[in-house]
Structures are given as structure tokens and as C-alpha cells.
């Protein structure tokens, strides 16, 4: 493949691949049912499965909001960092076909 074709493909596919990577990461990061059904060991469960169990005490009636909010921060922080990293590419890839009218 010639360098010119490679450069053109790189320019046209970069935004699409970035959007695909971000959406795939968000989908897999927020997955709940598959790990809940397949992982039997509580030490191997992802945070999405563990968080509801951590948010209540042993009786199950008192919600511990400080643990719930700390877990929500831990879950949200990687997504915010990912969107912050790919923000320019996502916006430019989304508006690449837009026509000003």
C-alpha cells in the first residue's frame, strides 16, 4: 500500500475508530448482567456488580451513602478521562459530514 493511500485511510478512519473504541469501552464498562451471572467468586467481580452489595449494611436496610458515592466516583472517573482524552476526535468525527447551511 502506498504512503498516500495509507495517509488518506488514516485520516478518514481515525475518527470512526476513536468513536468505536469509546463506545465499546462504555458498553463493556457498564456491563452488569454477564459478570453477575458468570463470576462466582466475590473477589473477582467487577465494581459494577460489587457496588450494590457494598451500598447496604448487613441488615440490608441502611444505605451507606458514603460508600455508594465513592463507588460511583470510581466507576465514573475512567469514563470521564476517556471522553476527555478523545473529545476533539469525537467531535470532529461526528461533524465531518455536516454541511453548513
PDB file of N, CA and C in Angstrom:
ATOM      1  N   UNK A   1       0.853  -1.169   0.000  1.00  0.00           N
ATOM      2  CA  UNK A   1       0.000   0.000   0.000  1.00  0.00           C
ATOM      3  C   UNK A   1       0.904   1.239   0.000  1.00  0.00           C
ATOM      4  N   UNK A   2       0.546   2.179  -0.827  1.00  0.00           N
ATOM      5  CA  UNK A   2       1.383   3.367  -0.946  1.00  0.00           C
ATOM      6  C   UNK A   2       1.201   4.278   0.264  1.00  0.00           C
ATOM      7  N   UNK A   3       2.183   5.111   0.543  1.00  0.00           N
ATOM      8  CA  UNK A   3       2.079   6.023   1.694  1.00  0.00           C
ATOM      9  C   UNK A   3       0.938   7.016   1.571  1.00  0.00           C
ATOM     10  N   UNK A   4       0.601   7.407   0.350  1.00  0.00           N
ATOM     11  CA  UNK A   4      -0.500   8.367   0.162  1.00  0.00           C
ATOM     12  C   UNK A   4      -1.832   7.722   0.533  1.00  0.00           C
ATOM     13  N   UNK A   5      -2.061   6.506   0.071  1.00  0.00           N
ATOM     14  CA  UNK A   5      -3.297   5.798   0.399  1.00  0.00           C
ATOM     15  C   UNK A   5      -3.357   5.520   1.896  1.00  0.00           C
ATOM     16  N   UNK A   6      -2.245   5.145   2.474  1.00  0.00           N
ATOM     17  CA  UNK A   6      -2.195   4.881   3.910  1.00  0.00           C
ATOM     18  C   UNK A   6      -2.534   6.134   4.712  1.00  0.00           C
ATOM     19  N   UNK A   7      -2.014   7.269   4.286  1.00  0.00           N
ATOM     20  CA  UNK A   7      -2.288   8.536   4.968  1.00  0.00           C
ATOM     21  C   UNK A   7      -3.762   8.921   4.826  1.00  0.00           C
ATOM     22  N   UNK A   8      -4.343   8.727   3.634  1.00  0.00           N
ATOM     23  CA  UNK A   8      -5.760   9.032   3.433  1.00  0.00           C
ATOM     24  C   UNK A   8      -6.656   8.132   4.277  1.00  0.00           C
ATOM     25  N   UNK A   9      -6.333   6.859   4.326  1.00  0.00           N
ATOM     26  CA  UNK A   9      -7.109   5.939   5.162  1.00  0.00           C
ATOM     27  C   UNK A   9      -6.975   6.288   6.636  1.00  0.00           C
ATOM     28  N   UNK A  10      -5.784   6.675   7.047  1.00  0.00           N
ATOM     29  CA  UNK A  10      -5.568   7.050   8.439  1.00  0.00           C
ATOM     30  C   UNK A  10      -6.418   8.259   8.814  1.00  0.00           C
ATOM     31  N   UNK A  11      -6.478   9.249   7.942  1.00  0.00           N
ATOM     32  CA  UNK A  11      -7.257  10.454   8.219  1.00  0.00           C
ATOM     33  C   UNK A  11      -8.740  10.135   8.254  1.00  0.00           C
ATOM     34  N   UNK A  12      -9.213   9.326   7.319  1.00  0.00           N
ATOM     35  CA  UNK A  12     -10.650   9.065   7.250  1.00  0.00           C
ATOM     36  C   UNK A  12     -11.128   8.080   8.310  1.00  0.00           C
ATOM     37  N   UNK A  13     -10.266   7.193   8.776  1.00  0.00           N
ATOM     38  CA  UNK A  13     -10.688   6.182   9.742  1.00  0.00           C
ATOM     39  C   UNK A  13     -10.419   6.548  11.196  1.00  0.00           C
ATOM     40  N   UNK A  14      -9.610   7.547  11.457  1.00  0.00           N
ATOM     41  CA  UNK A  14      -9.234   7.861  12.831  1.00  0.00           C
ATOM     42  C   UNK A  14     -10.450   8.225  13.682  1.00  0.00           C
ATOM     43  N   UNK A  15     -11.292   9.100  13.190  1.00  0.00           N
ATOM     44  CA  UNK A  15     -12.478   9.495  13.952  1.00  0.00           C
ATOM     45  C   UNK A  15     -13.427   8.339  14.179  1.00  0.00           C
ATOM     46  N   UNK A  16     -13.603   7.516  13.165  1.00  0.00           N
ATOM     47  CA  UNK A  16     -14.500   6.371  13.296  1.00  0.00           C
ATOM     48  C   UNK A  16     -13.958   5.353  14.298  1.00  0.00           C
ATOM     49  N   UNK A  17     -12.680   5.080  14.220  1.00  0.00           N
ATOM     50  CA  UNK A  17     -12.103   4.115  15.149  1.00  0.00           C
ATOM     51  C   UNK A  17     -12.110   4.635  16.581  1.00  0.00           C
ATOM     52  N   UNK A  18     -11.892   5.935  16.755  1.00  0.00           N
ATOM     53  CA  UNK A  18     -11.956   6.515  18.096  1.00  0.00           C
ATOM     54  C   UNK A  18     -13.364   6.403  18.667  1.00  0.00           C
ATOM     55  N   UNK A  19     -14.359   6.728  17.847  1.00  0.00           N
ATOM     56  CA  UNK A  19     -15.747   6.613  18.325  1.00  0.00           C
ATOM     57  C   UNK A  19     -16.090   5.164  18.658  1.00  0.00           C
ATOM     58  N   UNK A  20     -15.656   4.233  17.816  1.00  0.00           N
ATOM     59  CA  UNK A  20     -15.913   2.823  18.075  1.00  0.00           C
ATOM     60  C   UNK A  20     -15.240   2.368  19.369  1.00  0.00           C
ATOM     61  N   UNK A  21     -14.012   2.801  19.592  1.00  0.00           N
ATOM     62  CA  UNK A  21     -13.287   2.415  20.803  1.00  0.00           C
ATOM     63  C   UNK A  21     -13.967   2.975  22.055  1.00  0.00           C
ATOM     64  N   UNK A  22     -14.384   4.231  22.007  1.00  0.00           N
ATOM     65  CA  UNK A  22     -15.030   4.838  23.168  1.00  0.00           C
ATOM     66  C   UNK A  22     -16.364   4.166  23.457  1.00  0.00           C
ATOM     67  N   UNK A  23     -17.183   3.956  22.443  1.00  0.00           N
ATOM     68  CA  UNK A  23     -18.485   3.329  22.664  1.00  0.00           C
ATOM     69  C   UNK A  23     -18.348   1.881  23.123  1.00  0.00           C
ATOM     70  N   UNK A  24     -17.376   1.161  22.609  1.00  0.00           N
ATOM     71  CA  UNK A  24     -17.147  -0.212  23.060  1.00  0.00           C
ATOM     72  C   UNK A  24     -16.692  -0.234  24.515  1.00  0.00           C
ATOM     73  N   UNK A  25     -15.822   0.696  24.883  1.00  0.00           N
ATOM     74  CA  UNK A  25     -15.371   0.757  26.269  1.00  0.00           C
ATOM     75  C   UNK A  25     -16.534   1.077  27.214  1.00  0.00           C
ATOM     76  N   UNK A  26     -17.377   2.032  26.828  1.00  0.00           N
ATOM     77  CA  UNK A  26     -18.524   2.392  27.673  1.00  0.00           C
ATOM     78  C   UNK A  26     -19.474   1.207  27.801  1.00  0.00           C
ATOM     79  N   UNK A  27     -19.714   0.508  26.705  1.00  0.00           N
ATOM     80  CA  UNK A  27     -20.605  -0.656  26.747  1.00  0.00           C
ATOM     81  C   UNK A  27     -20.050  -1.742  27.667  1.00  0.00           C
ATOM     82  N   UNK A  28     -18.788  -2.046  27.526  1.00  0.00           N
ATOM     83  CA  UNK A  28     -18.193  -3.098  28.356  1.00  0.00           C
ATOM     84  C   UNK A  28     -18.010  -2.655  29.809  1.00  0.00           C
ATOM     85  N   UNK A  29     -17.755  -1.386  30.026  1.00  0.00           N
ATOM     86  CA  UNK A  29     -17.554  -0.886  31.376  1.00  0.00           C
ATOM     87  C   UNK A  29     -18.851  -0.931  32.179  1.00  0.00           C
ATOM     88  N   UNK A  30     -19.965  -0.664  31.515  1.00  0.00           N
ATOM     89  CA  UNK A  30     -21.236  -0.616  32.239  1.00  0.00           C
ATOM     90  C   UNK A  30     -21.989  -1.944  32.182  1.00  0.00           C
ATOM     91  N   UNK A  31     -21.347  -2.978  31.721  1.00  0.00           N
ATOM     92  CA  UNK A  31     -21.977  -4.291  31.651  1.00  0.00           C
ATOM     93  C   UNK A  31     -22.199  -4.828  33.065  1.00  0.00           C
ATOM     94  N   UNK A  32     -23.396  -5.301  33.329  1.00  0.00           N
ATOM     95  CA  UNK A  32     -23.737  -5.762  34.666  1.00  0.00           C
ATOM     96  C   UNK A  32     -24.161  -7.236  34.676  1.00  0.00           C
ATOM     97  N   UNK A  33     -25.027  -7.604  33.766  1.00  0.00           N
ATOM     98  CA  UNK A  33     -25.637  -8.929  33.845  1.00  0.00           C
ATOM     99  C   UNK A  33     -24.671 -10.069  33.565  1.00  0.00           C
ATOM    100  N   UNK A  34     -23.825  -9.943  32.573  1.00  0.00           N
ATOM    101  CA  UNK A  34     -22.911 -11.038  32.240  1.00  0.00           C
ATOM    102  C   UNK A  34     -21.938 -11.346  33.379  1.00  0.00           C
ATOM    103  N   UNK A  35     -21.244 -10.354  33.952  1.00  0.00           N
ATOM    104  CA  UNK A  35     -20.364 -10.690  35.082  1.00  0.00           C
ATOM    105  C   UNK A  35     -21.136 -11.171  36.308  1.00  0.00           C
ATOM    106  N   UNK A  36     -22.328 -10.642  36.530  1.00  0.00           N
ATOM    107  CA  UNK A  36     -23.112 -11.078  37.683  1.00  0.00           C
ATOM    108  C   UNK A  36     -23.513 -12.545  37.556  1.00  0.00           C
ATOM    109  N   UNK A  37     -23.786 -12.976  36.334  1.00  0.00           N
ATOM    110  CA  UNK A  37     -24.204 -14.361  36.131  1.00  0.00           C
ATOM    111  C   UNK A  37     -23.027 -15.326  36.072  1.00  0.00           C
ATOM    112  N   UNK A  38     -21.899 -14.894  35.534  1.00  0.00           N
ATOM    113  CA  UNK A  38     -20.800 -15.814  35.263  1.00  0.00           C
ATOM    114  C   UNK A  38     -19.734 -15.890  36.351  1.00  0.00           C
ATOM    115  N   UNK A  39     -19.531 -14.833  37.101  1.00  0.00           N
ATOM    116  CA  UNK A  39     -18.458 -14.824  38.098  1.00  0.00           C
ATOM    117  C   UNK A  39     -19.031 -15.283  39.436  1.00  0.00           C
ATOM    118  N   UNK A  40     -18.485 -16.357  39.951  1.00  0.00           N
ATOM    119  CA  UNK A  40     -18.979 -16.885  41.212  1.00  0.00           C
ATOM    120  C   UNK A  40     -18.192 -16.401  42.420  1.00  0.00           C
ATOM    121  N   UNK A  41     -16.941 -16.035  42.216  1.00  0.00           N
ATOM    122  CA  UNK A  41     -16.083 -15.595  43.311  1.00  0.00           C
ATOM    123  C   UNK A  41     -16.277 -14.093  43.545  1.00  0.00           C
ATOM    124  N   UNK A  42     -16.670 -13.673  44.755  1.00  0.00           N
ATOM    125  CA  UNK A  42     -16.871 -12.246  45.016  1.00  0.00           C
ATOM    126  C   UNK A  42     -15.610 -11.402  44.866  1.00  0.00           C
ATOM    127  N   UNK A  43     -14.445 -12.016  44.983  1.00  0.00           N
ATOM    128  CA  UNK A  43     -13.189 -11.270  44.847  1.00  0.00           C
ATOM    129  C   UNK A  43     -12.871 -10.933  43.389  1.00  0.00           C
ATOM    130  N   UNK A  44     -13.507 -11.618  42.451  1.00  0.00           N
ATOM    131  CA  UNK A  44     -13.247 -11.394  41.034  1.00  0.00           C
ATOM    132  C   UNK A  44     -14.319 -10.549  40.354  1.00  0.00           C
ATOM    133  N   UNK A  45     -15.369 -10.195  41.074  1.00  0.00           N
ATOM    134  CA  UNK A  45     -16.456  -9.421  40.479  1.00  0.00           C
ATOM    135  C   UNK A  45     -16.006  -7.995  40.169  1.00  0.00           C
ATOM    136  N   UNK A  46     -16.456  -7.440  39.044  1.00  0.00           N
ATOM    137  CA  UNK A  46     -16.141  -6.040  38.749  1.00  0.00           C
ATOM    138  C   UNK A  46     -16.917  -5.101  39.655  1.00  0.00           C
ATOM    139  N   UNK A  47     -16.532  -3.841  39.659  1.00  0.00           N
ATOM    140  CA  UNK A  47     -17.130  -2.862  40.576  1.00  0.00           C
ATOM    141  C   UNK A  47     -18.618  -2.674  40.323  1.00  0.00           C
ATOM    142  N   UNK A  48     -19.048  -2.832  39.084  1.00  0.00           N
ATOM    143  CA  UNK A  48     -20.476  -2.666  38.780  1.00  0.00           C
ATOM    144  C   UNK A  48     -21.332  -3.709  39.500  1.00  0.00           C
ATOM    145  N   UNK A  49     -20.800  -4.890  39.679  1.00  0.00           N
ATOM    146  CA  UNK A  49     -21.539  -5.951  40.369  1.00  0.00           C
ATOM    147  C   UNK A  49     -21.390  -5.809  41.878  1.00  0.00           C
ATOM    148  N   UNK A  50     -20.248  -5.358  42.341  1.00  0.00           N
ATOM    149  CA  UNK A  50     -19.973  -5.260  43.772  1.00  0.00           C
ATOM    150  C   UNK A  50     -20.641  -4.051  44.414  1.00  0.00           C
ATOM    151  N   UNK A  51     -20.804  -2.985  43.681  1.00  0.00           N
ATOM    152  CA  UNK A  51     -21.313  -1.732  44.247  1.00  0.00           C
ATOM    153  C   UNK A  51     -22.683  -1.852  44.918  1.00  0.00           C
ATOM    154  N   UNK A  52     -23.681  -2.514  44.336  1.00  0.00           N
ATOM    155  CA  UNK A  52     -24.958  -2.642  45.054  1.00  0.00           C
ATOM    156  C   UNK A  52     -24.846  -3.407  46.372  1.00  0.00           C
ATOM    157  N   UNK A  53     -23.947  -4.384  46.432  1.00  0.00           N
ATOM    158  CA  UNK A  53     -23.779  -5.137  47.675  1.00  0.00           C
ATOM    159  C   UNK A  53     -23.060  -4.309  48.735  1.00  0.00           C
ATOM    160  N   UNK A  54     -22.172  -3.416  48.322  1.00  0.00           N
ATOM    161  CA  UNK A  54     -21.443  -2.582  49.282  1.00  0.00           C
ATOM    162  C   UNK A  54     -22.276  -1.434  49.828  1.00  0.00           C
ATOM    163  N   UNK A  55     -23.312  -1.061  49.109  1.00  0.00           N
ATOM    164  CA  UNK A  55     -24.045   0.150  49.491  1.00  0.00           C
ATOM    165  C   UNK A  55     -25.000  -0.057  50.662  1.00  0.00           C
ATOM    166  N   UNK A  56     -25.251  -1.285  51.071  1.00  0.00           N
ATOM    167  CA  UNK A  56     -26.121  -1.527  52.229  1.00  0.00           C
ATOM    168  C   UNK A  56     -25.333  -2.245  53.315  1.00  0.00           C
ATOM    169  N   UNK A  57     -25.824  -2.132  54.549  1.00  0.00           N
ATOM    170  CA  UNK A  57     -25.146  -2.820  55.652  1.00  0.00           C
ATOM    171  C   UNK A  57     -25.601  -4.279  55.702  1.00  0.00           C
ATOM    172  N   UNK A  58     -25.235  -4.986  56.758  1.00  0.00           N
ATOM    173  CA  UNK A  58     -25.538  -6.413  56.878  1.00  0.00           C
ATOM    174  C   UNK A  58     -27.039  -6.681  56.948  1.00  0.00           C
ATOM    175  N   UNK A  59     -27.802  -5.764  57.543  1.00  0.00           N
ATOM    176  CA  UNK A  59     -29.250  -5.974  57.634  1.00  0.00           C
ATOM    177  C   UNK A  59     -29.942  -5.730  56.307  1.00  0.00           C
ATOM    178  N   UNK A  60     -29.328  -4.959  55.432  1.00  0.00           N
ATOM    179  CA  UNK A  60     -29.903  -4.687  54.128  1.00  0.00           C
ATOM    180  C   UNK A  60     -30.857  -3.511  54.096  1.00  0.00           C
ATOM    181  N   UNK A  61     -31.032  -2.827  55.229  1.00  0.00           N
ATOM    182  CA  UNK A  61     -31.998  -1.742  55.280  1.00  0.00           C
ATOM    183  C   UNK A  61     -31.363  -0.356  55.350  1.00  0.00           C
ATOM    184  N   UNK A  62     -30.146  -0.265  55.805  1.00  0.00           N
ATOM    185  CA  UNK A  62     -29.491   1.037  55.941  1.00  0.00           C
ATOM    186  C   UNK A  62     -28.529   1.230  54.769  1.00  0.00           C
ATOM    187  N   UNK A  63     -28.778   2.283  54.012  1.00  0.00           N
ATOM    188  CA  UNK A  63     -27.934   2.573  52.852  1.00  0.00           C
ATOM    189  C   UNK A  63     -26.763   3.425  53.318  1.00  0.00           C
ATOM    190  N   UNK A  64     -25.564   2.987  52.999  1.00  0.00           N
ATOM    191  CA  UNK A  64     -24.358   3.751  53.334  1.00  0.00           C
ATOM    192  C   UNK A  64     -23.989   4.598  52.114  1.00  0.00           C
ATOM    193  N   UNK A  65     -24.421   5.854  52.167  1.00  0.00           N
ATOM    194  CA  UNK A  65     -24.270   6.734  51.010  1.00  0.00           C
ATOM    195  C   UNK A  65     -22.815   7.088  50.729  1.00  0.00           C
ATOM    196  N   UNK A  66     -21.981   7.142  51.755  1.00  0.00           N
ATOM    197  CA  UNK A  66     -20.591   7.500  51.505  1.00  0.00           C
ATOM    198  C   UNK A  66     -19.879   6.441  50.667  1.00  0.00           C
ATOM    199  N   UNK A  67     -20.179   5.169  50.892  1.00  0.00           N
ATOM    200  CA  UNK A  67     -19.581   4.104  50.092  1.00  0.00           C
ATOM    201  C   UNK A  67     -20.202   4.073  48.705  1.00  0.00           C
ATOM    202  N   UNK A  68     -21.497   4.314  48.634  1.00  0.00           N
ATOM    203  CA  UNK A  68     -22.178   4.335  47.346  1.00  0.00           C
ATOM    204  C   UNK A  68     -21.647   5.459  46.451  1.00  0.00           C
ATOM    205  N   UNK A  69     -21.459   6.639  47.016  1.00  0.00           N
ATOM    206  CA  UNK A  69     -20.956   7.772  46.234  1.00  0.00           C
ATOM    207  C   UNK A  69     -19.477   7.605  45.881  1.00  0.00           C
ATOM    208  N   UNK A  70     -18.694   7.042  46.778  1.00  0.00           N
ATOM    209  CA  UNK A  70     -17.282   6.778  46.453  1.00  0.00           C
ATOM    210  C   UNK A  70     -17.179   5.744  45.329  1.00  0.00           C
ATOM    211  N   UNK A  71     -18.005   4.734  45.367  1.00  0.00           N
ATOM    212  CA  UNK A  71     -18.021   3.742  44.284  1.00  0.00           C
ATOM    213  C   UNK A  71     -18.487   4.341  42.972  1.00  0.00           C
ATOM    214  N   UNK A  72     -19.471   5.236  43.035  1.00  0.00           N
ATOM    215  CA  UNK A  72     -19.935   5.905  41.817  1.00  0.00           C
ATOM    216  C   UNK A  72     -18.830   6.769  41.219  1.00  0.00           C
ATOM    217  N   UNK A  73     -18.024   7.395  42.062  1.00  0.00           N
ATOM    218  CA  UNK A  73     -16.892   8.181  41.568  1.00  0.00           C
ATOM    219  C   UNK A  73     -15.842   7.288  40.912  1.00  0.00           C
ATOM    220  N   UNK A  74     -15.564   6.158  41.535  1.00  0.00           N
ATOM    221  CA  UNK A  74     -14.584   5.220  40.979  1.00  0.00           C
ATOM    222  C   UNK A  74     -15.061   4.677  39.633  1.00  0.00           C
ATOM    223  N   UNK A  75     -16.355   4.452  39.503  1.00  0.00           N
ATOM    224  CA  UNK A  75     -16.909   3.930  38.258  1.00  0.00           C
ATOM    225  C   UNK A  75     -16.933   5.007  37.174  1.00  0.00           C
ATOM    226  N   UNK A  76     -17.213   6.252  37.534  1.00  0.00           N
ATOM    227  CA  UNK A  76     -17.379   7.324  36.551  1.00  0.00           C
ATOM    228  C   UNK A  76     -16.053   7.926  36.112  1.00  0.00           C
ATOM    229  N   UNK A  77     -15.067   7.936  36.951  1.00  0.00           N
ATOM    230  CA  UNK A  77     -13.798   8.599  36.647  1.00  0.00           C
ATOM    231  C   UNK A  77     -13.105   8.078  35.375  1.00  0.00           C
ATOM    232  N   UNK A  78     -12.987   6.765  35.151  1.00  0.00           N
ATOM    233  CA  UNK A  78     -12.362   6.327  33.899  1.00  0.00           C
ATOM    234  C   UNK A  78     -13.136   6.763  32.657  1.00  0.00           C
ATOM    235  N   UNK A  79     -14.466   6.790  32.741  1.00  0.00           N
ATOM    236  CA  UNK A  79     -15.253   7.244  31.594  1.00  0.00           C
ATOM    237  C   UNK A  79     -15.022   8.723  31.315  1.00  0.00           C
ATOM    238  N   UNK A  80     -14.955   9.536  32.361  1.00  0.00           N
ATOM    239  CA  UNK A  80     -14.687  10.959  32.167  1.00  0.00           C
ATOM    240  C   UNK A  80     -13.300  11.192  31.580  1.00  0.00           C
ATOM    241  N   UNK A  81     -12.318  10.441  32.040  1.00  0.00           N
ATOM    242  CA  UNK A  81     -10.971  10.567  31.490  1.00  0.00           C
ATOM    243  C   UNK A  81     -10.925  10.133  30.030  1.00  0.00           C
ATOM    244  N   UNK A  82     -11.643   9.075  29.706  1.00  0.00           N
ATOM    245  CA  UNK A  82     -11.673   8.601  28.324  1.00  0.00           C
ATOM    246  C   UNK A  82     -12.338   9.612  27.403  1.00  0.00           C
ATOM    247  N   UNK A  83     -13.479  10.151  27.809  1.00  0.00           N
ATOM    248  CA  UNK A  83     -14.147  11.159  26.988  1.00  0.00           C
ATOM    249  C   UNK A  83     -13.321  12.431  26.895  1.00  0.00           C
ATOM    250  N   UNK A  84     -12.643  12.800  27.953  1.00  0.00           N
ATOM    251  CA  UNK A  84     -11.773  13.975  27.904  1.00  0.00           C
ATOM    252  C   UNK A  84     -10.611  13.786  26.952  1.00  0.00           C
ATOM    253  N   UNK A  85     -10.071  12.580  26.905  1.00  0.00           N
ATOM    254  CA  UNK A  85      -8.942  12.285  26.024  1.00  0.00           C
ATOM    255  C   UNK A  85      -9.347  12.310  24.554  1.00  0.00           C
ATOM    256  N   UNK A  86     -10.516  11.755  24.242  1.00  0.00           N
ATOM    257  CA  UNK A  86     -10.956  11.635  22.856  1.00  0.00           C
ATOM    258  C   UNK A  86     -11.977  12.693  22.464  1.00  0.00           C
ATOM    259  N   UNK A  87     -12.128  13.757  23.221  1.00  0.00           N
ATOM    260  CA  UNK A  87     -13.157  14.759  22.957  1.00  0.00           C
ATOM    261  C   UNK A  87     -12.990  15.404  21.584  1.00  0.00           C
ATOM    262  N   UNK A  88     -11.807  15.833  21.264  1.00  0.00           N
ATOM    263  CA  UNK A  88     -11.573  16.501  19.982  1.00  0.00           C
ATOM    264  C   UNK A  88     -11.842  15.554  18.811  1.00  0.00           C
ATOM    265  N   UNK A  89     -11.383  14.332  18.931  1.00  0.00           N
ATOM    266  CA  UNK A  89     -11.580  13.362  17.867  1.00  0.00           C
ATOM    267  C   UNK A  89     -13.046  12.981  17.717  1.00  0.00           C
ATOM    268  N   UNK A  90     -13.753  12.855  18.833  1.00  0.00           N
ATOM    269  CA  UNK A  90     -15.179  12.505  18.761  1.00  0.00           C
ATOM    270  C   UNK A  90     -15.993  13.600  18.096  1.00  0.00           C
ATOM    271  N   UNK A  91     -15.729  14.841  18.462  1.00  0.00           N
ATOM    272  CA  UNK A  91     -16.490  15.956  17.893  1.00  0.00           C
ATOM    273  C   UNK A  91     -16.155  16.126  16.416  1.00  0.00           C
ATOM    274  N   UNK A  92     -14.892  16.063  16.052  1.00  0.00           N
ATOM    275  CA  UNK A  92     -14.525  16.229  14.654  1.00  0.00           C
ATOM    276  C   UNK A  92     -15.016  15.060  13.806  1.00  0.00           C
ATOM    277  N   UNK A  93     -15.017  13.872  14.338  1.00  0.00           N
ATOM    278  CA  UNK A  93     -15.531  12.715  13.615  1.00  0.00           C
ATOM    279  C   UNK A  93     -17.033  12.752  13.447  1.00  0.00           C
ATOM    280  N   UNK A  94     -17.730  13.332  14.395  1.00  0.00           N
ATOM    281  CA  UNK A  94     -19.164  13.435  14.310  1.00  0.00           C
ATOM    282  C   UNK A  94     -19.600  14.489  13.312  1.00  0.00           C
ATOM    283  N   UNK A  95     -18.864  15.584  13.237  1.00  0.00           N
ATOM    284  CA  UNK A  95     -19.265  16.687  12.383  1.00  0.00           C
ATOM    285  C   UNK A  95     -18.548  16.689  11.035  1.00  0.00           C
ATOM    286  N   UNK A  96     -17.873  15.612  10.680  1.00  0.00           N
ATOM    287  CA  UNK A  96     -17.102  15.578   9.432  1.00  0.00           C
ATOM    288  C   UNK A  96     -18.007  15.659   8.209  1.00  0.00           C
ATOM    289  N   UNK A  97     -19.203  15.143   8.275  1.00  0.00           N
ATOM    290  CA  UNK A  97     -20.101  15.171   7.114  1.00  0.00           C
ATOM    291  C   UNK A  97     -21.137  16.269   7.182  1.00  0.00           C
ATOM    292  N   UNK A  98     -21.041  17.132   8.161  1.00  0.00           N
ATOM    293  CA  UNK A  98     -22.052  18.169   8.319  1.00  0.00           C
ATOM    294  C   UNK A  98     -21.862  19.254   7.247  1.00  0.00           C
ATOM    295  N   UNK A  99     -22.978  19.784   6.805  1.00  0.00           N
ATOM    296  CA  UNK A  99     -22.969  20.850   5.820  1.00  0.00           C
ATOM    297  C   UNK A  99     -23.506  22.097   6.467  1.00  0.00           C
ATOM    298  N   UNK A 100     -22.775  23.169   6.336  1.00  0.00           N
ATOM    299  CA  UNK A 100     -23.215  24.423   6.937  1.00  0.00           C
ATOM    300  C   UNK A 100     -24.278  25.043   6.030  1.00  0.00           C
ATOM    301  N   UNK A 101     -25.382  25.426   6.651  1.00  0.00           N
ATOM    302  CA  UNK A 101     -26.472  25.927   5.811  1.00  0.00           C
ATOM    303  C   UNK A 101     -27.060  27.112   6.325  1.00  0.00           C
TER     304      UNK A 101
END
